[in-house]
Amino acid sequence: MMYMEAAHNKTYETNVHIIDGSFEGLLTSVFVAHENNAFPAGIFINNEYQQSLYETTIEINTDETKAERVRNGIIIKLGTRIYENAWTAYLSNDPDRFTKISRYLRLAFAEGRSIADRLANPVVFDLFAICRNVSRETCKIVGFLRFSVMENNVQFAEITPEHNQIPLIMQHFADRLQSIPFVIYDSRRHIAGIYDAKEWNIVDAHDLQLPALAADEEQVRKLWKVFYRSIAIEARINLKLQRNLMPKRYWRNMTEHL
């Protein structure tokens, strides 16, 4: 059944998949939907969903084997671009991201990898818009992130992004810093990317306890602020433009605004 035909089938409008919120859980949902030829009207995280009177919920237990089959199927049949689009959209904070990704993958499996460029299709455009928002923020985070040196000589940075950026930026900074260990902490999601100068991992950081700043870190911060102010040309200060290029929500974690 083609996508647009299925979209009007009432059977699909009443089934809702409940997942654990992991990417593997989402891929398991995609597997179950295709296996049963019963595509959900929506996909939601188990602790965030409020059931409607007209919906039937189906609990999807994450299955690594099924998720891996879907992952391989996407990459082999549809290509890495489709897979990366789905992964990037998953990292967004869009409340309907799971449903939109599922519909996108369903359309892709039905019509092939060329759908990635069919922005006139609302399913494709929805996912494109999500990915665009995530990617734009990635560029800002990479440019605005500020490291501080802790007393154990580990570089530390805190971020509060709209989207889950740590999986997208860790390799960038691992490539740049190479032999320097660092930690990037997302205080909104309480996760941290940890690089030990060899490889990086993402860990739960609800109980994160930081060492003190290095002895000369405060002096370095003062010097940076002096430099930041000294290069500014007072007559050309444009706060509106500055806020457009460097949104105010990022200032709380930038040395020059501390």
Protein backbone atom coordinates (compact mmCIF):
# COMPACT_ATOMS: atom_id res chain seq x y z
CA MET A 1 0.00 0.00 0.00
CA MET A 2 1.33 3.37 -0.97
CA TYR A 3 2.00 5.93 1.74
CA MET A 4 -0.75 8.39 0.89
CA GLU A 5 -3.33 5.59 0.69
CA ALA A 6 -2.30 4.26 4.09
CA ALA A 7 -2.45 7.73 5.59
CA HIS A 8 -6.24 7.71 5.12
CA ASN A 9 -6.82 4.19 6.41
CA LYS A 10 -8.60 4.41 9.79
CA THR A 11 -6.79 1.30 11.00
CA TYR A 12 -3.61 3.31 11.12
CA GLU A 13 -5.22 6.27 12.87
CA THR A 14 -6.04 4.35 16.04
CA ASN A 15 -2.81 2.43 16.64
CA VAL A 16 -0.10 4.18 18.64
CA HIS A 17 3.33 2.73 19.39
CA ILE A 18 4.86 3.34 22.81
CA ILE A 19 8.67 3.10 22.93
CA ASP A 20 11.42 3.69 25.49
CA GLY A 21 12.76 6.77 23.68
CA SER A 22 15.94 5.16 22.34
CA PHE A 23 16.87 5.17 18.66
CA GLU A 24 16.89 1.38 18.78
CA GLY A 25 13.37 1.49 20.21
CA LEU A 26 12.26 3.63 17.28
CA LEU A 27 13.88 1.24 14.78
CA THR A 28 12.15 -1.67 16.51
CA SER A 29 8.84 0.15 16.03
CA VAL A 30 9.61 0.52 12.32
CA PHE A 31 10.37 -3.21 12.11
CA VAL A 32 7.14 -4.21 13.89
CA ALA A 33 5.06 -1.88 11.71
CA HIS A 34 6.46 -3.32 8.47
CA GLU A 35 6.31 -6.89 9.75
CA ASN A 36 2.62 -6.57 10.63
CA ASN A 37 1.76 -4.16 7.81
CA ALA A 38 0.13 -1.98 10.46
CA PHE A 39 1.65 1.48 10.63
CA PRO A 40 1.02 3.59 13.74
CA ALA A 41 -0.65 6.97 13.72
CA GLY A 42 1.94 8.10 16.24
CA ILE A 43 4.99 6.99 18.19
CA PHE A 44 5.58 8.29 21.71
CA ILE A 45 7.84 7.76 24.71
CA ASN A 46 6.20 5.66 27.40
CA ASN A 47 6.45 8.23 30.20
CA GLU A 48 5.28 11.19 28.09
CA TYR A 49 2.16 9.82 26.43
CA GLN A 50 -1.45 10.48 27.49
CA GLN A 51 -3.79 8.04 25.83
CA SER A 52 -6.82 9.20 23.86
CA LEU A 53 -10.18 7.40 24.00
CA TYR A 54 -9.92 6.66 20.30
CA GLU A 55 -6.41 5.19 20.28
CA THR A 56 -5.08 1.71 20.88
CA THR A 57 -1.59 1.63 22.35
CA ILE A 58 0.95 -1.03 21.46
CA GLU A 59 3.97 -1.38 23.73
CA ILE A 60 7.12 -1.87 21.69
CA ASN A 61 9.91 -3.61 23.55
CA THR A 62 13.27 -2.58 22.19
CA ASP A 63 14.88 -5.47 20.31
CA GLU A 64 18.51 -4.93 19.33
CA THR A 65 18.37 -7.62 16.62
CA LYS A 66 15.31 -6.10 14.94
CA ALA A 67 16.75 -2.60 15.28
CA GLU A 68 20.01 -3.71 13.65
CA ARG A 69 18.12 -5.28 10.76
CA VAL A 70 16.30 -2.02 10.14
CA ARG A 71 19.53 -0.01 10.48
CA ASN A 72 21.30 -2.24 7.94
CA GLY A 73 18.29 -2.14 5.65
CA ILE A 74 18.27 1.66 5.65
CA ILE A 75 21.98 1.95 4.93
CA ILE A 76 22.11 -0.79 2.26
CA LYS A 77 18.85 -0.06 0.45
CA LEU A 78 18.43 3.67 1.02
CA GLY A 79 21.97 4.91 1.65
CA THR A 80 23.75 6.72 4.46
CA ARG A 81 22.05 10.04 3.69
CA ILE A 82 18.60 8.71 4.61
CA TYR A 83 20.04 7.08 7.72
CA GLU A 84 21.83 10.26 8.82
CA ASN A 85 18.65 12.27 8.27
CA ALA A 86 16.74 9.89 10.53
CA TRP A 87 19.51 9.96 13.17
CA THR A 88 19.79 13.76 13.12
CA ALA A 89 16.01 14.15 13.43
CA TYR A 90 16.05 11.74 16.38
CA LEU A 91 18.43 14.09 18.22
CA SER A 92 16.02 17.01 17.89
CA ASN A 93 13.62 18.19 20.57
CA ASP A 94 10.63 18.05 18.21
CA PRO A 95 7.85 16.36 20.21
CA ASP A 96 6.63 14.48 17.10
CA ARG A 97 10.06 13.43 15.86
CA PHE A 98 9.47 9.68 16.29
CA THR A 99 6.28 9.77 14.23
CA LYS A 100 7.86 11.95 11.54
CA ILE A 101 10.93 9.72 11.26
CA SER A 102 8.76 6.60 11.00
CA ARG A 103 6.68 8.13 8.20
CA TYR A 104 9.83 9.30 6.42
CA LEU A 105 11.41 5.84 6.55
CA ARG A 106 8.19 4.20 5.44
CA LEU A 107 8.03 6.48 2.41
CA ALA A 108 11.72 5.89 1.69
CA PHE A 109 11.36 2.09 1.76
CA ALA A 110 8.36 2.35 -0.56
CA GLU A 111 9.84 4.78 -3.09
CA GLY A 112 13.63 4.64 -2.74
CA ARG A 113 16.48 6.89 -1.73
CA SER A 114 15.53 9.67 -4.16
CA ILE A 115 12.84 10.85 -1.73
CA ALA A 116 15.50 12.74 0.23
CA ASP A 117 15.31 15.52 -2.38
CA ARG A 118 11.52 15.65 -2.75
CA LEU A 119 10.91 18.60 -0.48
CA ALA A 120 7.49 19.22 -2.02
CA ASN A 121 6.34 16.10 -0.18
CA PRO A 122 5.17 17.18 3.30
CA VAL A 123 6.62 14.04 4.93
CA VAL A 124 10.05 14.77 3.48
CA PHE A 125 9.86 18.49 4.22
CA ASP A 126 8.90 17.86 7.84
CA LEU A 127 12.05 15.82 8.36
CA PHE A 128 14.19 18.23 6.36
CA ALA A 129 13.03 21.12 8.57
CA ILE A 130 13.91 19.21 11.74
CA CYS A 131 17.37 18.30 10.44
CA ARG A 132 17.98 21.88 9.35
CA ASN A 133 17.20 23.18 12.83
CA VAL A 134 19.50 20.64 14.46
CA SER A 135 22.35 21.32 12.02
CA ARG A 136 22.09 25.09 12.43
CA GLU A 137 22.40 24.74 16.16
CA THR A 138 25.34 22.33 15.77
CA CYS A 139 27.25 25.04 13.91
CA LYS A 140 26.50 27.56 16.66
CA ILE A 141 27.49 25.19 19.47
CA VAL A 142 30.81 24.39 17.77
CA GLY A 143 31.54 28.09 17.42
CA PHE A 144 30.33 29.27 20.82
CA LEU A 145 31.51 26.40 23.06
CA ARG A 146 34.12 27.53 25.62
CA PHE A 147 36.43 25.18 27.48
CA SER A 148 37.80 25.79 30.98
CA VAL A 149 40.81 24.01 32.45
CA MET A 150 40.11 22.07 35.64
CA GLU A 151 42.70 21.28 38.30
CA ASN A 152 43.28 17.81 36.85
CA ASN A 153 44.16 19.43 33.49
CA VAL A 154 40.95 18.18 31.91
CA GLN A 155 39.19 20.62 29.61
CA PHE A 156 35.55 21.15 30.58
CA ALA A 157 32.67 22.86 28.78
CA GLU A 158 28.99 23.20 29.61
CA ILE A 159 26.26 23.60 27.02
CA THR A 160 22.47 23.99 27.19
CA PRO A 161 21.35 23.31 23.61
CA GLU A 162 17.79 23.05 22.35
CA HIS A 163 18.63 19.73 20.70
CA ASN A 164 20.82 16.81 21.77
CA GLN A 165 24.10 18.03 20.31
CA ILE A 166 26.71 15.97 22.17
CA PRO A 167 26.57 12.97 19.77
CA LEU A 168 27.10 15.40 16.88
CA ILE A 169 29.98 17.48 18.26
CA MET A 170 32.16 15.01 20.18
CA GLN A 171 34.08 13.76 17.15
CA HIS A 172 34.74 17.33 16.01
CA PHE A 173 36.42 18.24 19.28
CA ALA A 174 38.18 14.88 19.58
CA ASP A 175 39.77 15.56 16.19
CA ARG A 176 40.75 19.09 17.22
CA LEU A 177 42.08 18.42 20.72
CA GLN A 178 43.46 14.94 19.95
CA SER A 179 45.76 14.26 22.93
CA ILE A 180 43.90 16.53 25.38
CA PRO A 181 41.17 14.90 27.51
CA PHE A 182 37.93 16.85 27.78
CA VAL A 183 34.36 16.72 29.03
CA ILE A 184 31.35 18.41 27.43
CA TYR A 185 28.34 18.52 29.75
CA ASP A 186 24.78 19.08 28.56
CA SER A 187 23.10 20.53 31.65
CA ARG A 188 19.64 20.38 30.06
CA ARG A 189 19.71 16.62 29.47
CA HIS A 190 22.24 15.74 32.19
CA ILE A 191 24.50 13.80 29.88
CA ALA A 192 28.21 14.26 29.24
CA GLY A 193 30.57 13.42 26.43
CA ILE A 194 33.90 12.24 27.86
CA TYR A 195 37.09 12.02 25.81
CA ASP A 196 40.14 10.34 27.36
CA ALA A 197 42.58 11.36 24.58
CA LYS A 198 41.89 8.06 22.80
CA GLU A 199 38.15 7.60 22.42
CA TRP A 200 34.94 9.27 23.50
CA ASN A 201 31.79 8.04 25.18
CA ILE A 202 28.49 9.54 26.30
CA VAL A 203 27.45 8.91 29.89
CA ASP A 204 24.66 9.81 32.29
CA ALA A 205 25.73 12.86 34.30
CA HIS A 206 22.92 13.45 36.79
CA ASP A 207 25.44 13.12 39.63
CA LEU A 208 28.26 14.96 37.91
CA GLN A 209 30.84 16.31 40.38
CA LEU A 210 33.44 18.62 38.91
CA PRO A 211 36.93 19.24 40.24
CA ALA A 212 37.89 22.83 40.99
CA LEU A 213 39.18 25.18 38.31
CA ALA A 214 42.91 25.13 37.60
CA ALA A 215 44.91 27.70 39.54
CA ASP A 216 45.34 30.07 36.60
CA GLU A 217 41.92 29.56 34.98
CA GLU A 218 40.36 32.67 36.52
CA GLN A 219 43.26 34.77 35.27
CA VAL A 220 42.91 33.31 31.79
CA ARG A 221 39.21 34.17 31.83
CA LYS A 222 39.96 37.75 32.84
CA LEU A 223 42.51 38.06 30.04
CA TRP A 224 40.03 36.72 27.52
CA LYS A 225 37.40 39.26 28.63
CA VAL A 226 39.92 42.08 28.33
CA PHE A 227 40.79 40.90 24.82
CA TYR A 228 37.10 40.58 23.91
CA ARG A 229 36.38 44.15 25.03
CA SER A 230 39.56 45.65 23.57
CA ILE A 231 38.92 44.46 20.02
CA ALA A 232 35.38 45.83 20.02
CA ILE A 233 34.81 49.08 18.15
CA GLU A 234 32.32 50.99 20.29
CA ALA A 235 30.91 53.02 17.41
CA ARG A 236 30.08 49.83 15.53
CA ILE A 237 28.43 47.87 18.32
CA ASN A 238 25.12 46.48 17.02
CA LEU A 239 23.40 44.51 19.77
CA LYS A 240 20.51 43.43 17.54
CA LEU A 241 22.90 41.95 14.98
CA GLN A 242 24.96 40.39 17.75
CA ARG A 243 21.92 38.64 19.17
CA ASN A 244 20.99 37.37 15.70
CA LEU A 245 24.44 35.91 15.10
CA MET A 246 25.07 34.85 18.70
CA PRO A 247 21.66 34.14 20.31
CA LYS A 248 21.37 35.19 23.91
CA ARG A 249 20.53 31.68 25.12
CA TYR A 250 24.16 30.68 24.51
CA TRP A 251 25.66 33.54 26.51
CA ARG A 252 25.31 31.83 29.88
CA ASN A 253 28.06 29.36 28.94
CA MET A 254 30.44 31.75 27.18
CA THR A 255 33.45 33.10 29.08
CA GLU A 256 33.08 36.61 27.70
CA HIS A 257 29.55 36.85 29.13
CA LEU A 258 30.12 35.18 32.50
